[in-house]
Amino acid sequence: MTPAELQTALRTIGWSQRQLAAILECDNVIVWRWATGRADIPQVIERWLLRMAACHEKHPVPDDWRVR
């Protein structure tokens, strides 16, 4: 997973880098390194993020739930 693919996955899921770090219970610097290409993203995290993004693409947040 490239840094651009990571950013796309996070955008699709609706998470920031900081939120990903909190979810993974790791330091923000680790995610920053992944996002800048300074460190490789572990394959298990890559696979998980791709599955999460695919799920969010298939099941987006409904936009018609508010009464108008």
C-alpha atoms as a PDB file:
ATOM      1  CA  MET A   1       0.000   0.000   0.000  1.00  0.00           C
ATOM      2  CA  THR A   2       1.385   3.343  -1.022  1.00  0.00           C
ATOM      3  CA  PRO A   3       0.968   6.505   1.040  1.00  0.00           C
ATOM      4  CA  ALA A   4      -1.599   7.727  -1.510  1.00  0.00           C
ATOM      5  CA  GLU A   5      -3.554   4.473  -1.183  1.00  0.00           C
ATOM      6  CA  LEU A   6      -3.469   4.848   2.588  1.00  0.00           C
ATOM      7  CA  GLN A   7      -4.870   8.377   2.327  1.00  0.00           C
ATOM      8  CA  THR A   8      -7.582   7.197  -0.062  1.00  0.00           C
ATOM      9  CA  ALA A   9      -8.564   4.362   2.276  1.00  0.00           C
ATOM     10  CA  LEU A  10      -8.696   6.703   5.265  1.00  0.00           C
ATOM     11  CA  ARG A  11     -10.785   9.225   3.324  1.00  0.00           C
ATOM     12  CA  THR A  12     -13.189   6.465   2.249  1.00  0.00           C
ATOM     13  CA  ILE A  13     -13.534   5.189   5.801  1.00  0.00           C
ATOM     14  CA  GLY A  14     -13.790   8.720   7.201  1.00  0.00           C
ATOM     15  CA  TRP A  15     -10.792   8.568   9.500  1.00  0.00           C
ATOM     16  CA  SER A  16      -7.865  10.879   9.986  1.00  0.00           C
ATOM     17  CA  GLN A  17      -4.328   9.639  10.545  1.00  0.00           C
ATOM     18  CA  ARG A  18      -4.732  10.584  14.197  1.00  0.00           C
ATOM     19  CA  GLN A  19      -7.935   8.542  14.475  1.00  0.00           C
ATOM     20  CA  LEU A  20      -6.229   5.534  12.883  1.00  0.00           C
ATOM     21  CA  ALA A  21      -3.409   5.800  15.414  1.00  0.00           C
ATOM     22  CA  ALA A  22      -5.953   5.945  18.243  1.00  0.00           C
ATOM     23  CA  ILE A  23      -7.839   2.918  16.907  1.00  0.00           C
ATOM     24  CA  LEU A  24      -4.596   0.963  16.566  1.00  0.00           C
ATOM     25  CA  GLU A  25      -3.437   2.231  19.967  1.00  0.00           C
ATOM     26  CA  CYS A  26      -0.120   3.363  18.523  1.00  0.00           C
ATOM     27  CA  ASP A  27       1.812   6.595  18.379  1.00  0.00           C
ATOM     28  CA  ASN A  28       0.752   9.146  15.746  1.00  0.00           C
ATOM     29  CA  VAL A  29       4.324   9.114  14.453  1.00  0.00           C
ATOM     30  CA  ILE A  30       3.955   5.512  13.284  1.00  0.00           C
ATOM     31  CA  VAL A  31       0.943   6.370  11.116  1.00  0.00           C
ATOM     32  CA  TRP A  32       2.684   9.551   9.926  1.00  0.00           C
ATOM     33  CA  ARG A  33       5.641   7.437   8.786  1.00  0.00           C
ATOM     34  CA  TRP A  34       3.278   5.179   6.833  1.00  0.00           C
ATOM     35  CA  ALA A  35       1.529   8.194   5.317  1.00  0.00           C
ATOM     36  CA  THR A  36       4.799   9.768   4.195  1.00  0.00           C
ATOM     37  CA  GLY A  37       6.407   6.557   2.918  1.00  0.00           C
ATOM     38  CA  ARG A  38       9.102   6.624   5.590  1.00  0.00           C
ATOM     39  CA  ALA A  39       7.970   3.207   6.857  1.00  0.00           C
ATOM     40  CA  ASP A  40       6.184   0.287   5.266  1.00  0.00           C
ATOM     41  CA  ILE A  41       2.615  -0.354   6.315  1.00  0.00           C
ATOM     42  CA  PRO A  42       2.356  -3.833   7.850  1.00  0.00           C
ATOM     43  CA  GLN A  43       0.489  -6.193   5.537  1.00  0.00           C
ATOM     44  CA  VAL A  44      -2.066  -7.071   8.197  1.00  0.00           C
ATOM     45  CA  ILE A  45      -2.941  -3.365   8.553  1.00  0.00           C
ATOM     46  CA  GLU A  46      -3.017  -2.912   4.784  1.00  0.00           C
ATOM     47  CA  ARG A  47      -5.419  -5.829   4.302  1.00  0.00           C
ATOM     48  CA  TRP A  48      -7.629  -4.610   7.146  1.00  0.00           C
ATOM     49  CA  LEU A  49      -7.779  -1.046   5.811  1.00  0.00           C
ATOM     50  CA  LEU A  50      -8.605  -2.246   2.302  1.00  0.00           C
ATOM     51  CA  ARG A  51     -11.438  -4.412   3.676  1.00  0.00           C
ATOM     52  CA  MET A  52     -12.727  -1.510   5.780  1.00  0.00           C
ATOM     53  CA  ALA A  53     -12.633   0.851   2.781  1.00  0.00           C
ATOM     54  CA  ALA A  54     -14.420  -1.688   0.574  1.00  0.00           C
ATOM     55  CA  CYS A  55     -17.112  -2.090   3.215  1.00  0.00           C
ATOM     56  CA  HIS A  56     -17.587   1.674   3.456  1.00  0.00           C
ATOM     57  CA  GLU A  57     -17.777   1.967  -0.332  1.00  0.00           C
ATOM     58  CA  LYS A  58     -20.415  -0.758  -0.470  1.00  0.00           C
ATOM     59  CA  HIS A  59     -22.327   0.588   2.534  1.00  0.00           C
ATOM     60  CA  PRO A  60     -21.900   4.377   2.674  1.00  0.00           C
ATOM     61  CA  VAL A  61     -23.357   6.482   5.434  1.00  0.00           C
ATOM     62  CA  PRO A  62     -27.000   7.101   4.553  1.00  0.00           C
ATOM     63  CA  ASP A  63     -27.696  10.688   3.611  1.00  0.00           C
ATOM     64  CA  ASP A  64     -31.481  10.495   3.670  1.00  0.00           C
ATOM     65  CA  TRP A  65     -32.071   9.790   7.335  1.00  0.00           C
ATOM     66  CA  ARG A  66     -32.836  13.360   8.350  1.00  0.00           C
ATOM     67  CA  VAL A  67     -36.409  14.519   8.231  1.00  0.00           C
ATOM     68  CA  ARG A  68     -36.704  17.385   5.799  1.00  0.00           C
END
